[in-house]
């Protein structure tokens, strides 16, 4: 079981590094939209017990909020 957990941690770390590297050419508003969507997805998943609908809904709401907060 420990091997699976270590593999999952390593894979998620690598994915996060690549995802953050992809943000290099984004505008501030784009970055805030992505951050909001990620935070909303996590929040939606936690609040609904891992429901796919809650995760997607949280990502959508978080992305909209992140986009609107950084409007010029």
Protein backbone atom coordinates (compact mmCIF):
# COMPACT_ATOMS: atom_id res chain seq x y z
CA UNK A 1 0.00 0.00 0.00
CA UNK A 2 2.87 2.38 0.76
CA UNK A 3 4.22 1.87 -2.75
CA UNK A 4 0.93 2.97 -4.31
CA UNK A 5 0.78 6.05 -2.09
CA UNK A 6 4.35 7.03 -2.94
CA UNK A 7 3.70 6.54 -6.64
CA UNK A 8 0.53 8.65 -6.46
CA UNK A 9 2.36 11.41 -4.60
CA UNK A 10 5.20 11.40 -7.12
CA UNK A 11 2.84 11.40 -10.09
CA UNK A 12 0.78 14.26 -8.70
CA UNK A 13 3.95 16.26 -7.97
CA UNK A 14 5.18 15.81 -11.53
CA UNK A 15 1.77 16.78 -12.90
CA UNK A 16 1.72 19.90 -10.74
CA UNK A 17 5.18 20.96 -11.91
CA UNK A 18 4.16 20.60 -15.55
CA UNK A 19 0.88 22.44 -14.93
CA UNK A 20 2.65 25.35 -13.27
CA UNK A 21 5.17 25.48 -16.11
CA UNK A 22 2.33 25.87 -18.57
CA UNK A 23 1.24 29.07 -16.78
CA UNK A 24 4.41 30.95 -17.76
CA UNK A 25 2.87 32.73 -20.75
CA UNK A 26 -0.51 33.45 -19.20
CA UNK A 27 -1.84 36.85 -18.25
CA UNK A 28 -2.63 37.64 -14.64
CA UNK A 29 -6.35 37.21 -15.31
CA UNK A 30 -5.79 33.80 -16.91
CA UNK A 31 -3.70 32.65 -13.94
CA UNK A 32 -6.37 33.77 -11.49
CA UNK A 33 -9.02 31.92 -13.50
CA UNK A 34 -7.02 28.69 -13.37
CA UNK A 35 -6.26 29.08 -9.66
CA UNK A 36 -9.93 29.77 -8.93
CA UNK A 37 -11.02 26.75 -10.94
CA UNK A 38 -8.57 24.50 -9.11
CA UNK A 39 -9.56 25.77 -5.69
CA UNK A 40 -13.24 25.53 -6.60
CA UNK A 41 -12.83 21.95 -7.79
CA UNK A 42 -11.17 20.94 -4.53
CA UNK A 43 -13.79 22.78 -2.50
CA UNK A 44 -16.65 21.26 -4.49
CA UNK A 45 -15.22 17.77 -4.10
CA UNK A 46 -14.82 18.20 -0.35
CA UNK A 47 -18.26 19.67 0.20
CA UNK A 48 -20.05 16.98 -1.83
CA UNK A 49 -18.01 13.99 -0.70
CA UNK A 50 -16.20 13.52 -4.01
CA UNK A 51 -19.20 13.86 -6.29
CA UNK A 52 -18.27 14.54 -9.91
CA UNK A 53 -21.08 17.07 -10.23
CA UNK A 54 -19.88 18.93 -7.13
CA UNK A 55 -16.30 18.95 -8.38
CA UNK A 56 -17.22 20.27 -11.82
CA UNK A 57 -19.65 22.79 -10.36
CA UNK A 58 -17.03 24.02 -7.90
CA UNK A 59 -14.47 24.35 -10.70
CA UNK A 60 -16.91 26.38 -12.79
CA UNK A 61 -17.85 28.71 -9.95
CA UNK A 62 -14.22 29.09 -8.85
CA UNK A 63 -13.08 29.83 -12.40
CA UNK A 64 -15.73 32.50 -12.83
CA UNK A 65 -14.83 34.12 -9.51
CA UNK A 66 -11.10 34.03 -10.33
CA UNK A 67 -11.79 35.58 -13.72
CA UNK A 68 -13.98 38.35 -12.36
CA UNK A 69 -11.73 39.27 -9.42
CA UNK A 70 -8.86 40.25 -11.69
CA UNK A 71 -10.83 42.25 -14.25
CA UNK A 72 -9.22 45.58 -15.09
